[in-house]
Amino acid sequence: MNCRPRKRSLTLRGHRTSVSLEDPFWEAFREIAAEKNISVSALATQIDAERELSCGLAGAIRLHVLRHYRGR
């Protein structure tokens, strides 16, 4: 398993951006989006809208994944 973050491209509100995430976080993020029957870009847009400005998007995604699986 690769523990180095890799850049992933997303579209947020019509604008292309990228986040650097480790493979396990990206896979879990995709699973959560699939469970909700939405695209990863749609889930990223929701997370982006809810995050504090002091938290980067990649960190907010990691925290979302963590909260999702801790809540089970």
PDB file of N, CA and C in Angstrom:
ATOM      1  N   MET A   1       0.844  -1.172   0.000  1.00  0.00           N
ATOM      2  CA  MET A   1       0.000   0.000   0.000  1.00  0.00           C
ATOM      3  C   MET A   1       0.893   1.240   0.000  1.00  0.00           C
ATOM      4  N   ASN A   2       0.532   2.182  -0.824  1.00  0.00           N
ATOM      5  CA  ASN A   2       1.290   3.426  -0.936  1.00  0.00           C
ATOM      6  C   ASN A   2       0.754   4.425   0.095  1.00  0.00           C
ATOM      7  N   CYS A   3       1.619   4.903   0.976  1.00  0.00           N
ATOM      8  CA  CYS A   3       1.168   5.860   1.996  1.00  0.00           C
ATOM      9  C   CYS A   3       1.430   7.304   1.581  1.00  0.00           C
ATOM     10  N   ARG A   4       1.981   7.506   0.409  1.00  0.00           N
ATOM     11  CA  ARG A   4       2.208   8.873  -0.069  1.00  0.00           C
ATOM     12  C   ARG A   4       0.936   9.416  -0.717  1.00  0.00           C
ATOM     13  N   PRO A   5       0.598  10.658  -0.417  1.00  0.00           N
ATOM     14  CA  PRO A   5      -0.576  11.259  -1.060  1.00  0.00           C
ATOM     15  C   PRO A   5      -0.383  11.373  -2.568  1.00  0.00           C
ATOM     16  N   ARG A   6      -1.485  11.195  -3.299  1.00  0.00           N
ATOM     17  CA  ARG A   6      -1.484  11.390  -4.750  1.00  0.00           C
ATOM     18  C   ARG A   6      -2.510  12.450  -5.095  1.00  0.00           C
ATOM     19  N   LYS A   7      -2.185  13.260  -6.099  1.00  0.00           N
ATOM     20  CA  LYS A   7      -3.122  14.304  -6.529  1.00  0.00           C
ATOM     21  C   LYS A   7      -4.301  13.672  -7.262  1.00  0.00           C
ATOM     22  N   ARG A   8      -5.487  14.137  -6.899  1.00  0.00           N
ATOM     23  CA  ARG A   8      -6.730  13.681  -7.528  1.00  0.00           C
ATOM     24  C   ARG A   8      -7.476  14.917  -8.013  1.00  0.00           C
ATOM     25  N   SER A   9      -8.032  14.852  -9.198  1.00  0.00           N
ATOM     26  CA  SER A   9      -8.765  15.984  -9.765  1.00  0.00           C
ATOM     27  C   SER A   9     -10.245  15.883  -9.437  1.00  0.00           C
ATOM     28  N   LEU A  10     -10.832  17.026  -9.112  1.00  0.00           N
ATOM     29  CA  LEU A  10     -12.253  17.135  -8.804  1.00  0.00           C
ATOM     30  C   LEU A  10     -12.800  18.403  -9.432  1.00  0.00           C
ATOM     31  N   THR A  11     -14.116  18.458  -9.562  1.00  0.00           N
ATOM     32  CA  THR A  11     -14.781  19.678 -10.004  1.00  0.00           C
ATOM     33  C   THR A  11     -15.692  20.144  -8.884  1.00  0.00           C
ATOM     34  N   LEU A  12     -15.447  21.351  -8.392  1.00  0.00           N
ATOM     35  CA  LEU A  12     -16.267  21.945  -7.334  1.00  0.00           C
ATOM     36  C   LEU A  12     -16.974  23.168  -7.886  1.00  0.00           C
ATOM     37  N   ARG A  13     -18.285  23.103  -7.904  1.00  0.00           N
ATOM     38  CA  ARG A  13     -19.089  24.227  -8.411  1.00  0.00           C
ATOM     39  C   ARG A  13     -18.584  24.720  -9.766  1.00  0.00           C
ATOM     40  N   GLY A  14     -18.293  23.786 -10.657  1.00  0.00           N
ATOM     41  CA  GLY A  14     -17.891  24.120 -12.016  1.00  0.00           C
ATOM     42  C   GLY A  14     -16.420  24.451 -12.208  1.00  0.00           C
ATOM     43  N   HIS A  15     -15.625  24.400 -11.141  1.00  0.00           N
ATOM     44  CA  HIS A  15     -14.202  24.721 -11.235  1.00  0.00           C
ATOM     45  C   HIS A  15     -13.364  23.493 -10.906  1.00  0.00           C
ATOM     46  N   ARG A  16     -12.355  23.248 -11.724  1.00  0.00           N
ATOM     47  CA  ARG A  16     -11.452  22.125 -11.494  1.00  0.00           C
ATOM     48  C   ARG A  16     -10.495  22.460 -10.360  1.00  0.00           C
ATOM     49  N   THR A  17     -10.269  21.479  -9.513  1.00  0.00           N
ATOM     50  CA  THR A  17      -9.302  21.608  -8.432  1.00  0.00           C
ATOM     51  C   THR A  17      -8.695  20.238  -8.190  1.00  0.00           C
ATOM     52  N   SER A  18      -7.714  20.188  -7.338  1.00  0.00           N
ATOM     53  CA  SER A  18      -7.127  18.891  -7.013  1.00  0.00           C
ATOM     54  C   SER A  18      -6.881  18.816  -5.515  1.00  0.00           C
ATOM     55  N   VAL A  19      -6.891  17.588  -5.011  1.00  0.00           N
ATOM     56  CA  VAL A  19      -6.580  17.322  -3.614  1.00  0.00           C
ATOM     57  C   VAL A  19      -5.545  16.208  -3.587  1.00  0.00           C
ATOM     58  N   SER A  20      -4.708  16.230  -2.595  1.00  0.00           N
ATOM     59  CA  SER A  20      -3.714  15.173  -2.413  1.00  0.00           C
ATOM     60  C   SER A  20      -4.171  14.276  -1.280  1.00  0.00           C
ATOM     61  N   LEU A  21      -4.493  13.032  -1.638  1.00  0.00           N
ATOM     62  CA  LEU A  21      -4.976  12.062  -0.662  1.00  0.00           C
ATOM     63  C   LEU A  21      -4.249  10.735  -0.824  1.00  0.00           C
ATOM     64  N   GLU A  22      -4.057  10.056   0.286  1.00  0.00           N
ATOM     65  CA  GLU A  22      -3.494   8.712   0.263  1.00  0.00           C
ATOM     66  C   GLU A  22      -4.540   7.763  -0.336  1.00  0.00           C
ATOM     67  N   ASP A  23      -4.067   6.680  -0.958  1.00  0.00           N
ATOM     68  CA  ASP A  23      -4.965   5.733  -1.613  1.00  0.00           C
ATOM     69  C   ASP A  23      -6.093   5.240  -0.704  1.00  0.00           C
ATOM     70  N   PRO A  24      -5.816   4.830   0.558  1.00  0.00           N
ATOM     71  CA  PRO A  24      -6.915   4.345   1.400  1.00  0.00           C
ATOM     72  C   PRO A  24      -7.989   5.401   1.667  1.00  0.00           C
ATOM     73  N   PHE A  25      -7.594   6.659   1.833  1.00  0.00           N
ATOM     74  CA  PHE A  25      -8.586   7.714   2.033  1.00  0.00           C
ATOM     75  C   PHE A  25      -9.392   7.947   0.759  1.00  0.00           C
ATOM     76  N   TRP A  26      -8.732   7.925  -0.386  1.00  0.00           N
ATOM     77  CA  TRP A  26      -9.444   8.123  -1.652  1.00  0.00           C
ATOM     78  C   TRP A  26     -10.453   6.994  -1.879  1.00  0.00           C
ATOM     79  N   GLU A  27     -10.034   5.757  -1.630  1.00  0.00           N
ATOM     80  CA  GLU A  27     -10.934   4.615  -1.806  1.00  0.00           C
ATOM     81  C   GLU A  27     -12.131   4.713  -0.862  1.00  0.00           C
ATOM     82  N   ALA A  28     -11.899   5.068   0.395  1.00  0.00           N
ATOM     83  CA  ALA A  28     -12.986   5.215   1.356  1.00  0.00           C
ATOM     84  C   ALA A  28     -13.908   6.368   0.954  1.00  0.00           C
ATOM     85  N   PHE A  29     -13.336   7.452   0.474  1.00  0.00           N
ATOM     86  CA  PHE A  29     -14.110   8.611   0.010  1.00  0.00           C
ATOM     87  C   PHE A  29     -15.023   8.201  -1.143  1.00  0.00           C
ATOM     88  N   ARG A  30     -14.498   7.441  -2.082  1.00  0.00           N
ATOM     89  CA  ARG A  30     -15.305   6.948  -3.213  1.00  0.00           C
ATOM     90  C   ARG A  30     -16.415   6.019  -2.734  1.00  0.00           C
ATOM     91  N   GLU A  31     -16.124   5.166  -1.748  1.00  0.00           N
ATOM     92  CA  GLU A  31     -17.140   4.260  -1.196  1.00  0.00           C
ATOM     93  C   GLU A  31     -18.283   5.048  -0.557  1.00  0.00           C
ATOM     94  N   ILE A  32     -17.948   6.091   0.182  1.00  0.00           N
ATOM     95  CA  ILE A  32     -18.966   6.915   0.831  1.00  0.00           C
ATOM     96  C   ILE A  32     -19.844   7.584  -0.217  1.00  0.00           C
ATOM     97  N   ALA A  33     -19.232   8.127  -1.255  1.00  0.00           N
ATOM     98  CA  ALA A  33     -20.005   8.759  -2.331  1.00  0.00           C
ATOM     99  C   ALA A  33     -20.938   7.737  -2.986  1.00  0.00           C
ATOM    100  N   ALA A  34     -20.438   6.527  -3.222  1.00  0.00           N
ATOM    101  CA  ALA A  34     -21.260   5.479  -3.834  1.00  0.00           C
ATOM    102  C   ALA A  34     -22.426   5.097  -2.921  1.00  0.00           C
ATOM    103  N   GLU A  35     -22.178   5.012  -1.609  1.00  0.00           N
ATOM    104  CA  GLU A  35     -23.245   4.705  -0.649  1.00  0.00           C
ATOM    105  C   GLU A  35     -24.345   5.756  -0.710  1.00  0.00           C
ATOM    106  N   LYS A  36     -23.948   7.017  -0.901  1.00  0.00           N
ATOM    107  CA  LYS A  36     -24.909   8.115  -0.962  1.00  0.00           C
ATOM    108  C   LYS A  36     -25.481   8.298  -2.363  1.00  0.00           C
ATOM    109  N   ASN A  37     -24.979   7.498  -3.318  1.00  0.00           N
ATOM    110  CA  ASN A  37     -25.419   7.547  -4.709  1.00  0.00           C
ATOM    111  C   ASN A  37     -25.185   8.930  -5.341  1.00  0.00           C
ATOM    112  N   ILE A  38     -24.019   9.512  -5.013  1.00  0.00           N
ATOM    113  CA  ILE A  38     -23.617  10.790  -5.602  1.00  0.00           C
ATOM    114  C   ILE A  38     -22.184  10.659  -6.104  1.00  0.00           C
ATOM    115  N   SER A  39     -21.760  11.598  -6.922  1.00  0.00           N
ATOM    116  CA  SER A  39     -20.395  11.588  -7.436  1.00  0.00           C
ATOM    117  C   SER A  39     -19.413  12.049  -6.353  1.00  0.00           C
ATOM    118  N   VAL A  40     -18.147  11.716  -6.544  1.00  0.00           N
ATOM    119  CA  VAL A  40     -17.138  12.191  -5.595  1.00  0.00           C
ATOM    120  C   VAL A  40     -17.063  13.717  -5.637  1.00  0.00           C
ATOM    121  N   SER A  41     -17.281  14.307  -6.804  1.00  0.00           N
ATOM    122  CA  SER A  41     -17.265  15.771  -6.895  1.00  0.00           C
ATOM    123  C   SER A  41     -18.420  16.384  -6.106  1.00  0.00           C
ATOM    124  N   ALA A  42     -19.584  15.753  -6.144  1.00  0.00           N
ATOM    125  CA  ALA A  42     -20.728  16.261  -5.385  1.00  0.00           C
ATOM    126  C   ALA A  42     -20.464  16.148  -3.883  1.00  0.00           C
ATOM    127  N   LEU A  43     -19.881  15.029  -3.462  1.00  0.00           N
ATOM    128  CA  LEU A  43     -19.557  14.875  -2.045  1.00  0.00           C
ATOM    129  C   LEU A  43     -18.486  15.876  -1.625  1.00  0.00           C
ATOM    130  N   ALA A  44     -17.482  16.070  -2.464  1.00  0.00           N
ATOM    131  CA  ALA A  44     -16.429  17.044  -2.165  1.00  0.00           C
ATOM    132  C   ALA A  44     -17.014  18.453  -2.063  1.00  0.00           C
ATOM    133  N   THR A  45     -17.989  18.774  -2.905  1.00  0.00           N
ATOM    134  CA  THR A  45     -18.633  20.081  -2.860  1.00  0.00           C
ATOM    135  C   THR A  45     -19.367  20.263  -1.532  1.00  0.00           C
ATOM    136  N   GLN A  46     -20.057  19.227  -1.063  1.00  0.00           N
ATOM    137  CA  GLN A  46     -20.741  19.296   0.231  1.00  0.00           C
ATOM    138  C   GLN A  46     -19.736  19.514   1.361  1.00  0.00           C
ATOM    139  N   ILE A  47     -18.653  18.747   1.332  1.00  0.00           N
ATOM    140  CA  ILE A  47     -17.632  18.863   2.372  1.00  0.00           C
ATOM    141  C   ILE A  47     -16.998  20.248   2.337  1.00  0.00           C
ATOM    142  N   ASP A  48     -16.722  20.733   1.133  1.00  0.00           N
ATOM    143  CA  ASP A  48     -16.106  22.053   0.968  1.00  0.00           C
ATOM    144  C   ASP A  48     -16.995  23.149   1.554  1.00  0.00           C
ATOM    145  N   ALA A  49     -18.290  23.029   1.355  1.00  0.00           N
ATOM    146  CA  ALA A  49     -19.230  24.044   1.848  1.00  0.00           C
ATOM    147  C   ALA A  49     -19.316  24.042   3.370  1.00  0.00           C
ATOM    148  N   GLU A  50     -19.065  22.892   3.992  1.00  0.00           N
ATOM    149  CA  GLU A  50     -19.208  22.759   5.438  1.00  0.00           C
ATOM    150  C   GLU A  50     -17.909  22.960   6.210  1.00  0.00           C
ATOM    151  N   ARG A  51     -16.776  22.961   5.532  1.00  0.00           N
ATOM    152  CA  ARG A  51     -15.492  23.007   6.245  1.00  0.00           C
ATOM    153  C   ARG A  51     -15.170  24.411   6.738  1.00  0.00           C
ATOM    154  N   GLU A  52     -14.373  24.446   7.787  1.00  0.00           N
ATOM    155  CA  GLU A  52     -13.872  25.728   8.285  1.00  0.00           C
ATOM    156  C   GLU A  52     -12.767  26.201   7.353  1.00  0.00           C
ATOM    157  N   LEU A  53     -12.612  27.498   7.219  1.00  0.00           N
ATOM    158  CA  LEU A  53     -11.605  28.041   6.313  1.00  0.00           C
ATOM    159  C   LEU A  53     -10.185  27.666   6.723  1.00  0.00           C
ATOM    160  N   SER A  54      -9.986  27.370   8.001  1.00  0.00           N
ATOM    161  CA  SER A  54      -8.645  27.002   8.469  1.00  0.00           C
ATOM    162  C   SER A  54      -8.275  25.567   8.104  1.00  0.00           C
ATOM    163  N   CYS A  55      -9.239  24.806   7.587  1.00  0.00           N
ATOM    164  CA  CYS A  55      -8.999  23.414   7.213  1.00  0.00           C
ATOM    165  C   CYS A  55      -8.986  23.295   5.694  1.00  0.00           C
ATOM    166  N   GLY A  56      -7.927  22.725   5.154  1.00  0.00           N
ATOM    167  CA  GLY A  56      -7.852  22.519   3.710  1.00  0.00           C
ATOM    168  C   GLY A  56      -8.839  21.447   3.271  1.00  0.00           C
ATOM    169  N   LEU A  57      -9.116  21.407   1.974  1.00  0.00           N
ATOM    170  CA  LEU A  57     -10.088  20.458   1.451  1.00  0.00           C
ATOM    171  C   LEU A  57      -9.647  19.017   1.686  1.00  0.00           C
ATOM    172  N   ALA A  58      -8.387  18.701   1.453  1.00  0.00           N
ATOM    173  CA  ALA A  58      -7.919  17.325   1.655  1.00  0.00           C
ATOM    174  C   ALA A  58      -8.085  16.913   3.115  1.00  0.00           C
ATOM    175  N   GLY A  59      -7.740  17.789   4.037  1.00  0.00           N
ATOM    176  CA  GLY A  59      -7.914  17.498   5.459  1.00  0.00           C
ATOM    177  C   GLY A  59      -9.380  17.322   5.815  1.00  0.00           C
ATOM    178  N   ALA A  60     -10.235  18.157   5.241  1.00  0.00           N
ATOM    179  CA  ALA A  60     -11.672  18.055   5.498  1.00  0.00           C
ATOM    180  C   ALA A  60     -12.220  16.733   4.977  1.00  0.00           C
ATOM    181  N   ILE A  61     -11.724  16.276   3.842  1.00  0.00           N
ATOM    182  CA  ILE A  61     -12.153  14.980   3.300  1.00  0.00           C
ATOM    183  C   ILE A  61     -11.701  13.856   4.228  1.00  0.00           C
ATOM    184  N   ARG A  62     -10.455  13.904   4.680  1.00  0.00           N
ATOM    185  CA  ARG A  62      -9.960  12.872   5.599  1.00  0.00           C
ATOM    186  C   ARG A  62     -10.808  12.825   6.873  1.00  0.00           C
ATOM    187  N   LEU A  63     -11.126  13.995   7.432  1.00  0.00           N
ATOM    188  CA  LEU A  63     -11.942  14.050   8.636  1.00  0.00           C
ATOM    189  C   LEU A  63     -13.353  13.521   8.384  1.00  0.00           C
ATOM    190  N   HIS A  64     -13.901  13.809   7.213  1.00  0.00           N
ATOM    191  CA  HIS A  64     -15.222  13.304   6.846  1.00  0.00           C
ATOM    192  C   HIS A  64     -15.205  11.777   6.785  1.00  0.00           C
ATOM    193  N   VAL A  65     -14.177  11.221   6.159  1.00  0.00           N
ATOM    194  CA  VAL A  65     -14.044   9.763   6.073  1.00  0.00           C
ATOM    195  C   VAL A  65     -13.946   9.172   7.477  1.00  0.00           C
ATOM    196  N   LEU A  66     -13.125   9.777   8.319  1.00  0.00           N
ATOM    197  CA  LEU A  66     -12.953   9.290   9.682  1.00  0.00           C
ATOM    198  C   LEU A  66     -14.269   9.327  10.450  1.00  0.00           C
ATOM    199  N   ARG A  67     -14.983  10.451  10.387  1.00  0.00           N
ATOM    200  CA  ARG A  67     -16.266  10.561  11.092  1.00  0.00           C
ATOM    201  C   ARG A  67     -17.282   9.540  10.554  1.00  0.00           C
ATOM    202  N   HIS A  68     -17.284   9.353   9.251  1.00  0.00           N
ATOM    203  CA  HIS A  68     -18.214   8.405   8.628  1.00  0.00           C
ATOM    204  C   HIS A  68     -18.023   7.008   9.190  1.00  0.00           C
ATOM    205  N   TYR A  69     -16.781   6.548   9.232  1.00  0.00           N
ATOM    206  CA  TYR A  69     -16.533   5.181   9.678  1.00  0.00           C
ATOM    207  C   TYR A  69     -16.549   5.035  11.199  1.00  0.00           C
ATOM    208  N   ARG A  70     -16.263   6.086  11.918  1.00  0.00           N
ATOM    209  CA  ARG A  70     -16.388   6.032  13.383  1.00  0.00           C
ATOM    210  C   ARG A  70     -17.852   5.978  13.798  1.00  0.00           C
ATOM    211  N   GLY A  71     -18.707   6.569  12.982  1.00  0.00           N
ATOM    212  CA  GLY A  71     -20.133   6.616  13.286  1.00  0.00           C
ATOM    213  C   GLY A  71     -20.843   5.299  13.069  1.00  0.00           C
ATOM    214  N   ARG A  72     -20.188   4.325  12.529  1.00  0.00           N
ATOM    215  CA  ARG A  72     -20.831   3.032  12.260  1.00  0.00           C
ATOM    216  C   ARG A  72     -20.826   2.151  13.455  1.00  0.00           C
TER     217      ARG A  72
END
